Amino acid sequence: MRPPQRAIAPISEVSTDRLRDMERRYVEQGRTEGGPYTLFEIRIELRRRLPSTFDPRIVASKIVELAQANPNGLTTYKALWDVLRPGEAWKGHNSQTTLGNALGTVIAYCCQNRLPILTVLVINGSIGALTDKAIFNIAQECRDLGMDTAPNDRAFVERQVEAAKAITVAALPAADR
């Protein structure tokens, strides 16, 4: 007689420390699956839990709204900050961390909901484009979450930009926070 299988708890009920431990073991073993959750499911859940005062769907909807209001279909970090924190001045590293965590939760939200990566629409206002570093970081984050970024980071991000420009706010599902 076969022993009964244990029910697997939803990943949202697993402690952050436990998820980090599972992620570490996967990486040490060079594996992506074999436990109750895949490495990519764990990483998406950990990104979803990044400390953010913003709901990822709200941030995603603001990105889409701001980008659609511009002729180039893009928005800037400053414009996003101003709409998320109206009247609050940008305060260097603290503001950068706050916005970075919010954008990290949006990437996880996009992966989880099979949406294009909407953060590619947020560009450096000084140069009017994503920096090479931003392109690499976005592609690396997506690879870490199991996305195929071939043939190269720039081509991947360009595909994401075109797909993200086609998204409407109405197409965004509720966030699972």
N, C-alpha and C. Protein backbone atom coordinates (compact mmCIF):
# COMPACT_ATOMS: atom_id res chain seq x y z
N MET A 1 0.84 -1.17 0.00
CA MET A 1 0.00 0.00 0.00
C MET A 1 0.89 1.24 0.00
N ARG A 2 0.53 2.17 -0.81
CA ARG A 2 1.28 3.41 -0.98
C ARG A 2 0.90 4.42 0.11
N PRO A 3 1.89 5.09 0.71
CA PRO A 3 1.53 6.09 1.73
C PRO A 3 0.82 7.27 1.08
N PRO A 4 -0.07 7.92 1.80
CA PRO A 4 -0.79 9.06 1.22
C PRO A 4 0.19 10.21 0.96
N GLN A 5 -0.05 10.94 -0.12
CA GLN A 5 0.79 12.08 -0.45
C GLN A 5 0.40 13.27 0.42
N ARG A 6 1.43 13.99 0.86
CA ARG A 6 1.17 15.18 1.65
C ARG A 6 0.72 16.31 0.74
N ALA A 7 -0.23 17.06 1.23
CA ALA A 7 -0.70 18.22 0.46
C ALA A 7 0.39 19.29 0.50
N ILE A 8 0.59 19.93 -0.60
CA ILE A 8 1.58 21.00 -0.69
C ILE A 8 0.87 22.31 -0.37
N ALA A 9 1.43 23.05 0.58
CA ALA A 9 0.87 24.35 0.93
C ALA A 9 1.04 25.31 -0.24
N PRO A 10 0.08 26.20 -0.41
CA PRO A 10 0.28 27.23 -1.44
C PRO A 10 1.56 27.99 -1.14
N ILE A 11 2.28 28.37 -2.17
CA ILE A 11 3.56 29.05 -1.99
C ILE A 11 3.41 30.33 -1.18
N SER A 12 2.26 30.96 -1.26
CA SER A 12 2.03 32.20 -0.51
C SER A 12 2.03 31.97 0.99
N GLU A 13 1.87 30.72 1.42
CA GLU A 13 1.85 30.41 2.85
C GLU A 13 3.20 29.97 3.40
N VAL A 14 4.19 29.83 2.54
CA VAL A 14 5.52 29.40 2.95
C VAL A 14 6.30 30.64 3.41
N SER A 15 7.04 30.51 4.51
CA SER A 15 7.78 31.65 5.04
C SER A 15 8.86 32.12 4.06
N THR A 16 9.17 33.38 4.13
CA THR A 16 10.21 33.96 3.28
C THR A 16 11.55 33.28 3.54
N ASP A 17 11.86 33.02 4.81
CA ASP A 17 13.13 32.35 5.13
C ASP A 17 13.19 30.97 4.50
N ARG A 18 12.10 30.24 4.54
CA ARG A 18 12.05 28.90 3.94
C ARG A 18 12.23 28.99 2.42
N LEU A 19 11.57 29.96 1.79
CA LEU A 19 11.71 30.13 0.34
C LEU A 19 13.15 30.49 -0.03
N ARG A 20 13.78 31.36 0.74
CA ARG A 20 15.18 31.71 0.47
C ARG A 20 16.08 30.50 0.61
N ASP A 21 15.79 29.66 1.60
CA ASP A 21 16.57 28.44 1.79
C ASP A 21 16.39 27.49 0.60
N MET A 22 15.16 27.34 0.13
CA MET A 22 14.92 26.48 -1.04
C MET A 22 15.62 27.04 -2.27
N GLU A 23 15.57 28.36 -2.46
CA GLU A 23 16.24 28.99 -3.59
C GLU A 23 17.75 28.72 -3.52
N ARG A 24 18.32 28.92 -2.35
CA ARG A 24 19.76 28.71 -2.16
C ARG A 24 20.15 27.27 -2.49
N ARG A 25 19.35 26.30 -2.04
CA ARG A 25 19.67 24.89 -2.32
C ARG A 25 19.55 24.57 -3.81
N TYR A 26 18.55 25.11 -4.47
CA TYR A 26 18.45 24.91 -5.93
C TYR A 26 19.71 25.42 -6.62
N VAL A 27 20.12 26.63 -6.26
CA VAL A 27 21.30 27.24 -6.90
C VAL A 27 22.55 26.41 -6.60
N GLU A 28 22.73 26.02 -5.36
CA GLU A 28 23.90 25.20 -4.98
C GLU A 28 23.94 23.89 -5.77
N GLN A 29 22.78 23.31 -6.02
CA GLN A 29 22.71 22.03 -6.73
C GLN A 29 22.64 22.20 -8.24
N GLY A 30 22.55 23.45 -8.72
CA GLY A 30 22.47 23.68 -10.15
C GLY A 30 21.18 23.16 -10.77
N ARG A 31 20.11 23.20 -9.99
CA ARG A 31 18.81 22.68 -10.45
C ARG A 31 17.78 23.79 -10.49
N THR A 32 16.69 23.53 -11.20
CA THR A 32 15.58 24.48 -11.24
C THR A 32 14.26 23.86 -10.78
N GLU A 33 14.27 22.54 -10.61
CA GLU A 33 13.05 21.88 -10.13
C GLU A 33 13.42 20.64 -9.35
N GLY A 34 12.41 20.06 -8.70
CA GLY A 34 12.63 18.85 -7.92
C GLY A 34 11.95 18.92 -6.56
N GLY A 35 11.66 20.13 -6.10
CA GLY A 35 10.97 20.30 -4.83
C GLY A 35 9.50 20.59 -5.07
N PRO A 36 8.82 21.03 -4.05
CA PRO A 36 7.39 21.31 -4.21
C PRO A 36 7.10 22.48 -5.14
N TYR A 37 8.08 23.38 -5.31
CA TYR A 37 7.95 24.53 -6.20
C TYR A 37 9.22 24.62 -7.04
N THR A 38 9.11 25.15 -8.23
CA THR A 38 10.31 25.32 -9.06
C THR A 38 11.10 26.52 -8.56
N LEU A 39 12.34 26.60 -8.98
CA LEU A 39 13.18 27.74 -8.63
C LEU A 39 12.51 29.03 -9.09
N PHE A 40 11.92 29.01 -10.27
CA PHE A 40 11.32 30.21 -10.82
C PHE A 40 10.07 30.62 -10.06
N GLU A 41 9.27 29.65 -9.62
CA GLU A 41 8.10 29.97 -8.79
C GLU A 41 8.55 30.60 -7.48
N ILE A 42 9.61 30.07 -6.90
CA ILE A 42 10.14 30.62 -5.65
C ILE A 42 10.62 32.05 -5.86
N ARG A 43 11.35 32.28 -6.94
CA ARG A 43 11.88 33.62 -7.19
C ARG A 43 10.76 34.62 -7.47
N ILE A 44 9.75 34.21 -8.20
CA ILE A 44 8.61 35.10 -8.45
C ILE A 44 7.94 35.46 -7.13
N GLU A 45 7.75 34.47 -6.27
CA GLU A 45 7.12 34.72 -4.97
C GLU A 45 7.99 35.65 -4.12
N LEU A 46 9.30 35.45 -4.12
CA LEU A 46 10.18 36.32 -3.35
C LEU A 46 10.15 37.75 -3.89
N ARG A 47 10.10 37.92 -5.21
CA ARG A 47 10.01 39.27 -5.80
C ARG A 47 8.67 39.90 -5.42
N ARG A 48 7.63 39.07 -5.43
CA ARG A 48 6.30 39.57 -5.07
C ARG A 48 6.29 40.12 -3.65
N ARG A 49 7.14 39.56 -2.80
CA ARG A 49 7.19 39.98 -1.40
C ARG A 49 8.17 41.12 -1.13
N LEU A 50 8.81 41.64 -2.15
CA LEU A 50 9.71 42.77 -1.92
C LEU A 50 8.98 43.86 -1.15
N PRO A 51 9.66 44.51 -0.23
CA PRO A 51 8.98 45.56 0.52
C PRO A 51 8.60 46.72 -0.40
N SER A 52 7.34 46.90 -0.59
CA SER A 52 6.86 47.97 -1.45
C SER A 52 5.57 48.51 -0.87
N THR A 53 5.47 49.79 -0.86
CA THR A 53 4.24 50.42 -0.36
C THR A 53 3.20 50.50 -1.46
N PHE A 54 3.55 50.01 -2.64
CA PHE A 54 2.65 50.12 -3.78
C PHE A 54 2.17 48.75 -4.23
N ASP A 55 0.91 48.66 -4.57
CA ASP A 55 0.34 47.47 -5.18
C ASP A 55 0.90 47.36 -6.60
N PRO A 56 1.43 46.19 -6.99
CA PRO A 56 2.04 46.08 -8.32
C PRO A 56 1.09 46.37 -9.47
N ARG A 57 -0.20 46.07 -9.31
CA ARG A 57 -1.14 46.39 -10.39
C ARG A 57 -1.28 47.89 -10.53
N ILE A 58 -1.28 48.61 -9.42
CA ILE A 58 -1.39 50.07 -9.48
C ILE A 58 -0.15 50.65 -10.17
N VAL A 59 1.02 50.17 -9.80
CA VAL A 59 2.25 50.65 -10.44
C VAL A 59 2.21 50.32 -11.93
N ALA A 60 1.82 49.10 -12.25
CA ALA A 60 1.72 48.68 -13.66
C ALA A 60 0.73 49.57 -14.42
N SER A 61 -0.40 49.86 -13.81
CA SER A 61 -1.40 50.70 -14.49
C SER A 61 -0.88 52.13 -14.68
N LYS A 62 -0.13 52.64 -13.72
CA LYS A 62 0.44 53.99 -13.86
C LYS A 62 1.49 54.01 -14.97
N ILE A 63 2.29 52.96 -15.05
CA ILE A 63 3.27 52.87 -16.14
C ILE A 63 2.54 52.92 -17.49
N VAL A 64 1.51 52.09 -17.63
CA VAL A 64 0.76 52.03 -18.89
C VAL A 64 0.11 53.38 -19.20
N GLU A 65 -0.54 53.99 -18.20
CA GLU A 65 -1.19 55.29 -18.42
C GLU A 65 -0.19 56.37 -18.83
N LEU A 66 0.92 56.46 -18.10
CA LEU A 66 1.92 57.47 -18.41
C LEU A 66 2.54 57.25 -19.79
N ALA A 67 2.84 56.01 -20.11
CA ALA A 67 3.44 55.69 -21.41
C ALA A 67 2.47 56.01 -22.55
N GLN A 68 1.20 55.66 -22.36
CA GLN A 68 0.22 55.91 -23.42
C GLN A 68 -0.04 57.40 -23.62
N ALA A 69 0.24 58.20 -22.61
CA ALA A 69 0.04 59.65 -22.72
C ALA A 69 1.17 60.34 -23.47
N ASN A 70 2.26 59.63 -23.73
CA ASN A 70 3.41 60.21 -24.44
C ASN A 70 3.46 59.72 -25.88
N PRO A 71 3.84 60.59 -26.80
CA PRO A 71 3.91 60.19 -28.21
C PRO A 71 4.87 59.02 -28.46
N ASN A 72 5.94 58.91 -27.66
CA ASN A 72 6.89 57.82 -27.87
C ASN A 72 6.47 56.52 -27.19
N GLY A 73 5.37 56.56 -26.43
CA GLY A 73 4.86 55.35 -25.78
C GLY A 73 5.68 54.92 -24.58
N LEU A 74 6.50 55.84 -24.03
CA LEU A 74 7.35 55.54 -22.88
C LEU A 74 7.11 56.56 -21.78
N THR A 75 7.64 56.28 -20.59
CA THR A 75 7.59 57.23 -19.49
C THR A 75 8.94 57.24 -18.79
N THR A 76 9.09 58.11 -17.82
CA THR A 76 10.37 58.23 -17.11
C THR A 76 10.21 57.83 -15.64
N TYR A 77 11.36 57.54 -15.02
CA TYR A 77 11.37 57.23 -13.60
C TYR A 77 10.78 58.41 -12.80
N LYS A 78 11.16 59.62 -13.19
CA LYS A 78 10.68 60.81 -12.48
C LYS A 78 9.18 60.96 -12.61
N ALA A 79 8.63 60.77 -13.81
CA ALA A 79 7.18 60.88 -13.99
C ALA A 79 6.46 59.82 -13.17
N LEU A 80 7.00 58.62 -13.13
CA LEU A 80 6.38 57.55 -12.34
C LEU A 80 6.45 57.89 -10.86
N TRP A 81 7.61 58.37 -10.40
CA TRP A 81 7.76 58.77 -9.00
C TRP A 81 6.73 59.85 -8.64
N ASP A 82 6.60 60.85 -9.52
CA ASP A 82 5.69 61.97 -9.24
C ASP A 82 4.24 61.52 -9.13
N VAL A 83 3.84 60.53 -9.91
CA VAL A 83 2.46 60.07 -9.85
C VAL A 83 2.23 59.11 -8.66
N LEU A 84 3.27 58.37 -8.28
CA LEU A 84 3.14 57.47 -7.14
C LEU A 84 3.31 58.19 -5.81
N ARG A 85 4.13 59.23 -5.81
CA ARG A 85 4.43 60.01 -4.59
C ARG A 85 4.22 61.50 -4.87
N PRO A 86 2.98 61.91 -5.18
CA PRO A 86 2.75 63.31 -5.54
C PRO A 86 3.20 64.26 -4.44
N GLY A 87 3.94 65.28 -4.86
CA GLY A 87 4.40 66.30 -3.93
C GLY A 87 5.62 65.91 -3.10
N GLU A 88 6.09 64.68 -3.25
CA GLU A 88 7.26 64.23 -2.48
C GLU A 88 8.50 64.32 -3.37
N ALA A 89 9.49 65.03 -2.88
CA ALA A 89 10.72 65.20 -3.65
C ALA A 89 11.50 63.89 -3.73
N TRP A 90 12.23 63.73 -4.81
CA TRP A 90 13.12 62.59 -4.99
C TRP A 90 14.27 62.72 -3.99
N LYS A 91 14.54 61.67 -3.22
CA LYS A 91 15.58 61.73 -2.18
C LYS A 91 16.65 60.68 -2.43
N GLY A 92 17.31 60.78 -3.56
CA GLY A 92 18.47 59.94 -3.87
C GLY A 92 18.25 58.46 -3.69
N HIS A 93 19.16 57.84 -2.93
CA HIS A 93 19.17 56.39 -2.76
C HIS A 93 17.85 55.86 -2.18
N ASN A 94 17.28 56.56 -1.23
CA ASN A 94 16.03 56.12 -0.60
C ASN A 94 14.90 56.03 -1.64
N SER A 95 14.77 57.05 -2.44
CA SER A 95 13.72 57.05 -3.48
C SER A 95 14.02 56.00 -4.55
N GLN A 96 15.29 55.88 -4.90
CA GLN A 96 15.69 54.89 -5.90
C GLN A 96 15.36 53.48 -5.41
N THR A 97 15.62 53.20 -4.14
CA THR A 97 15.30 51.89 -3.57
C THR A 97 13.79 51.65 -3.57
N THR A 98 13.04 52.66 -3.16
CA THR A 98 11.58 52.54 -3.13
C THR A 98 11.03 52.23 -4.51
N LEU A 99 11.46 52.99 -5.50
CA LEU A 99 10.97 52.79 -6.87
C LEU A 99 11.50 51.47 -7.44
N GLY A 100 12.75 51.13 -7.13
CA GLY A 100 13.33 49.86 -7.61
C GLY A 100 12.56 48.67 -7.08
N ASN A 101 12.19 48.68 -5.81
CA ASN A 101 11.40 47.58 -5.24
C ASN A 101 10.02 47.51 -5.89
N ALA A 102 9.42 48.67 -6.12
CA ALA A 102 8.11 48.70 -6.78
C ALA A 102 8.20 48.10 -8.19
N LEU A 103 9.26 48.46 -8.93
CA LEU A 103 9.43 47.92 -10.28
C LEU A 103 9.75 46.42 -10.23
N GLY A 104 10.47 45.98 -9.21
CA GLY A 104 10.73 44.55 -9.04
C GLY A 104 9.45 43.76 -8.83
N THR A 105 8.53 44.31 -8.05
CA THR A 105 7.25 43.61 -7.85
C THR A 105 6.43 43.61 -9.14
N VAL A 106 6.60 44.64 -9.97
CA VAL A 106 5.89 44.68 -11.26
C VAL A 106 6.44 43.61 -12.19
N ILE A 107 7.73 43.40 -12.20
CA ILE A 107 8.30 42.34 -13.05
C ILE A 107 7.74 40.98 -12.62
N ALA A 108 7.71 40.72 -11.32
CA ALA A 108 7.14 39.46 -10.83
C ALA A 108 5.65 39.35 -11.21
N TYR A 109 4.92 40.45 -11.05
CA TYR A 109 3.50 40.50 -11.42
C TYR A 109 3.33 40.17 -12.90
N CYS A 110 4.17 40.76 -13.74
CA CYS A 110 4.09 40.51 -15.18
C CYS A 110 4.38 39.04 -15.50
N CYS A 111 5.43 38.48 -14.88
CA CYS A 111 5.76 37.07 -15.11
C CYS A 111 4.62 36.16 -14.64
N GLN A 112 4.14 36.42 -13.45
CA GLN A 112 3.08 35.60 -12.86
C GLN A 112 1.81 35.62 -13.71
N ASN A 113 1.54 36.76 -14.34
CA ASN A 113 0.31 36.91 -15.13
C ASN A 113 0.53 36.82 -16.63
N ARG A 114 1.72 36.38 -17.02
CA ARG A 114 2.07 36.18 -18.43
C ARG A 114 1.82 37.44 -19.27
N LEU A 115 2.26 38.57 -18.71
CA LEU A 115 2.18 39.85 -19.39
C LEU A 115 3.56 40.23 -19.90
N PRO A 116 3.63 41.11 -20.90
CA PRO A 116 4.95 41.63 -21.25
C PRO A 116 5.52 42.39 -20.04
N ILE A 117 6.81 42.52 -19.99
CA ILE A 117 7.46 43.20 -18.87
C ILE A 117 7.25 44.71 -19.04
N LEU A 118 6.33 45.26 -18.26
CA LEU A 118 5.93 46.65 -18.41
C LEU A 118 6.99 47.64 -17.96
N THR A 119 7.92 47.21 -17.14
CA THR A 119 8.96 48.12 -16.65
C THR A 119 9.88 48.60 -17.77
N VAL A 120 9.87 47.92 -18.90
CA VAL A 120 10.71 48.37 -20.03
C VAL A 120 10.23 49.70 -20.59
N LEU A 121 9.03 50.12 -20.21
CA LEU A 121 8.49 51.39 -20.69
C LEU A 121 8.97 52.57 -19.85
N VAL A 122 9.68 52.28 -18.75
CA VAL A 122 10.18 53.33 -17.85
C VAL A 122 11.65 53.58 -18.17
N ILE A 123 11.92 54.77 -18.70
CA ILE A 123 13.27 55.07 -19.19
C ILE A 123 13.94 56.18 -18.37
N ASN A 124 15.22 56.32 -18.58
CA ASN A 124 16.01 57.40 -18.00
C ASN A 124 15.66 58.69 -18.74
N GLY A 125 15.09 59.65 -18.04
CA GLY A 125 14.66 60.89 -18.67
C GLY A 125 15.81 61.73 -19.22
N SER A 126 16.98 61.61 -18.62
CA SER A 126 18.13 62.40 -19.06
C SER A 126 18.62 62.00 -20.44
N ILE A 127 18.56 60.70 -20.73
CA ILE A 127 19.05 60.24 -22.03
C ILE A 127 17.92 59.83 -22.98
N GLY A 128 16.70 59.74 -22.46
CA GLY A 128 15.55 59.42 -23.30
C GLY A 128 15.47 57.98 -23.73
N ALA A 129 16.13 57.10 -22.98
CA ALA A 129 16.13 55.67 -23.32
C ALA A 129 16.52 54.87 -22.09
N LEU A 130 16.40 53.57 -22.21
CA LEU A 130 16.94 52.69 -21.18
C LEU A 130 18.45 52.67 -21.31
N THR A 131 19.14 52.70 -20.21
CA THR A 131 20.60 52.59 -20.26
C THR A 131 20.97 51.13 -20.55
N ASP A 132 22.20 50.91 -20.98
CA ASP A 132 22.68 49.54 -21.19
C ASP A 132 22.57 48.73 -19.90
N LYS A 133 22.89 49.39 -18.78
CA LYS A 133 22.80 48.71 -17.49
C LYS A 133 21.36 48.32 -17.18
N ALA A 134 20.40 49.21 -17.45
CA ALA A 134 18.99 48.90 -17.21
C ALA A 134 18.54 47.73 -18.10
N ILE A 135 18.95 47.72 -19.35
CA ILE A 135 18.60 46.62 -20.26
C ILE A 135 19.14 45.31 -19.72
N PHE A 136 20.42 45.31 -19.30
CA PHE A 136 21.00 44.10 -18.73
C PHE A 136 20.24 43.67 -17.47
N ASN A 137 19.96 44.63 -16.57
CA ASN A 137 19.29 44.29 -15.31
C ASN A 137 17.90 43.73 -15.53
N ILE A 138 17.15 44.32 -16.46
CA ILE A 138 15.80 43.81 -16.75
C ILE A 138 15.89 42.40 -17.31
N ALA A 139 16.78 42.19 -18.29
CA ALA A 139 16.92 40.86 -18.88
C ALA A 139 17.40 39.84 -17.84
N GLN A 140 18.33 40.23 -16.99
CA GLN A 140 18.82 39.31 -15.95
C GLN A 140 17.71 38.94 -14.98
N GLU A 141 16.93 39.93 -14.57
CA GLU A 141 15.80 39.67 -13.67
C GLU A 141 14.82 38.68 -14.33
N CYS A 142 14.57 38.87 -15.61
CA CYS A 142 13.66 37.98 -16.32
C CYS A 142 14.25 36.57 -16.45
N ARG A 143 15.55 36.47 -16.72
CA ARG A 143 16.20 35.14 -16.75
C ARG A 143 16.08 34.46 -15.39
N ASP A 144 16.30 35.24 -14.34
CA ASP A 144 16.19 34.68 -12.98
C ASP A 144 14.79 34.15 -12.69
N LEU A 145 13.80 34.68 -13.40
CA LEU A 145 12.41 34.24 -13.21
C LEU A 145 11.98 33.23 -14.26
N GLY A 146 12.94 32.73 -15.04
CA GLY A 146 12.66 31.64 -15.97
C GLY A 146 12.29 32.05 -17.38
N MET A 147 12.42 33.31 -17.72
CA MET A 147 12.08 33.75 -19.07
C MET A 147 13.25 33.54 -20.02
N ASP A 148 12.93 33.25 -21.26
CA ASP A 148 13.94 33.10 -22.31
C ASP A 148 14.22 34.48 -22.89
N THR A 149 15.45 34.94 -22.76
CA THR A 149 15.82 36.28 -23.22
C THR A 149 16.67 36.25 -24.49
N ALA A 150 16.67 35.12 -25.17
CA ALA A 150 17.47 34.97 -26.40
C ALA A 150 16.89 35.85 -27.50
N PRO A 151 17.67 36.27 -28.46
CA PRO A 151 19.06 35.95 -28.68
C PRO A 151 20.03 36.82 -27.88
N ASN A 152 19.56 38.02 -27.43
CA ASN A 152 20.41 38.87 -26.60
C ASN A 152 19.51 39.82 -25.81
N ASP A 153 20.11 40.48 -24.84
CA ASP A 153 19.33 41.33 -23.93
C ASP A 153 18.60 42.45 -24.66
N ARG A 154 19.29 43.12 -25.57
CA ARG A 154 18.68 44.26 -26.27
C ARG A 154 17.48 43.81 -27.11
N ALA A 155 17.63 42.74 -27.85
CA ALA A 155 16.52 42.23 -28.67
C ALA A 155 15.34 41.81 -27.80
N PHE A 156 15.65 41.16 -26.67
CA PHE A 156 14.60 40.76 -25.74
C PHE A 156 13.84 41.98 -25.24
N VAL A 157 14.56 43.00 -24.79
CA VAL A 157 13.91 44.21 -24.26
C VAL A 157 13.12 44.91 -25.37
N GLU A 158 13.65 44.97 -26.56
CA GLU A 158 12.91 45.60 -27.66
C GLU A 158 11.59 44.87 -27.94
N ARG A 159 11.62 43.55 -27.89
CA ARG A 159 10.37 42.77 -28.06
C ARG A 159 9.39 43.09 -26.93
N GLN A 160 9.91 43.19 -25.72
CA GLN A 160 9.06 43.50 -24.57
C GLN A 160 8.46 44.90 -24.68
N VAL A 161 9.24 45.85 -25.18
CA VAL A 161 8.73 47.22 -25.35
C VAL A 161 7.54 47.21 -26.32
N GLU A 162 7.70 46.56 -27.44
CA GLU A 162 6.61 46.52 -28.42
C GLU A 162 5.37 45.84 -27.85
N ALA A 163 5.54 44.74 -27.16
CA ALA A 163 4.40 44.03 -26.56
C ALA A 163 3.79 44.86 -25.43
N ALA A 164 4.61 45.52 -24.63
CA ALA A 164 4.10 46.31 -23.50
C ALA A 164 3.30 47.51 -23.99
N LYS A 165 3.70 48.10 -25.10
CA LYS A 165 2.97 49.25 -25.64
C LYS A 165 1.55 48.88 -26.06
N ALA A 166 1.31 47.60 -26.30
CA ALA A 166 -0.01 47.15 -26.73
C ALA A 166 -0.95 46.85 -25.56
N ILE A 167 -0.44 46.86 -24.34
CA ILE A 167 -1.24 46.53 -23.16
C ILE A 167 -2.08 47.72 -22.75
N THR A 168 -3.31 47.45 -22.32
CA THR A 168 -4.18 48.49 -21.78
C THR A 168 -4.36 48.25 -20.28
N VAL A 169 -4.75 49.28 -19.57
CA VAL A 169 -4.99 49.15 -18.14
C VAL A 169 -6.07 48.11 -17.88
N ALA A 170 -7.09 48.08 -18.72
CA ALA A 170 -8.18 47.11 -18.54
C ALA A 170 -7.70 45.66 -18.64
N ALA A 171 -6.58 45.43 -19.31
CA ALA A 171 -6.05 44.06 -19.48
C ALA A 171 -5.26 43.59 -18.26
N LEU A 172 -5.04 44.46 -17.29
CA LEU A 172 -4.21 44.10 -16.13
C LEU A 172 -5.04 43.40 -15.07
N PRO A 173 -4.68 42.16 -14.72
CA PRO A 173 -5.44 41.44 -13.67
C PRO A 173 -5.12 41.99 -12.29
N ALA A 174 -5.95 41.69 -11.33
CA ALA A 174 -5.72 42.09 -9.94
C ALA A 174 -4.41 41.47 -9.47
N ALA A 175 -3.71 42.19 -8.61
CA ALA A 175 -2.45 41.67 -8.06
C ALA A 175 -2.75 40.70 -6.93
N ASP A 176 -1.90 39.72 -6.82
CA ASP A 176 -2.02 38.71 -5.79
C ASP A 176 -1.02 39.04 -4.69
N ARG A 177 -1.36 39.95 -3.78
CA ARG A 177 -0.41 40.42 -2.75
C ARG A 177 -0.59 39.66 -1.49
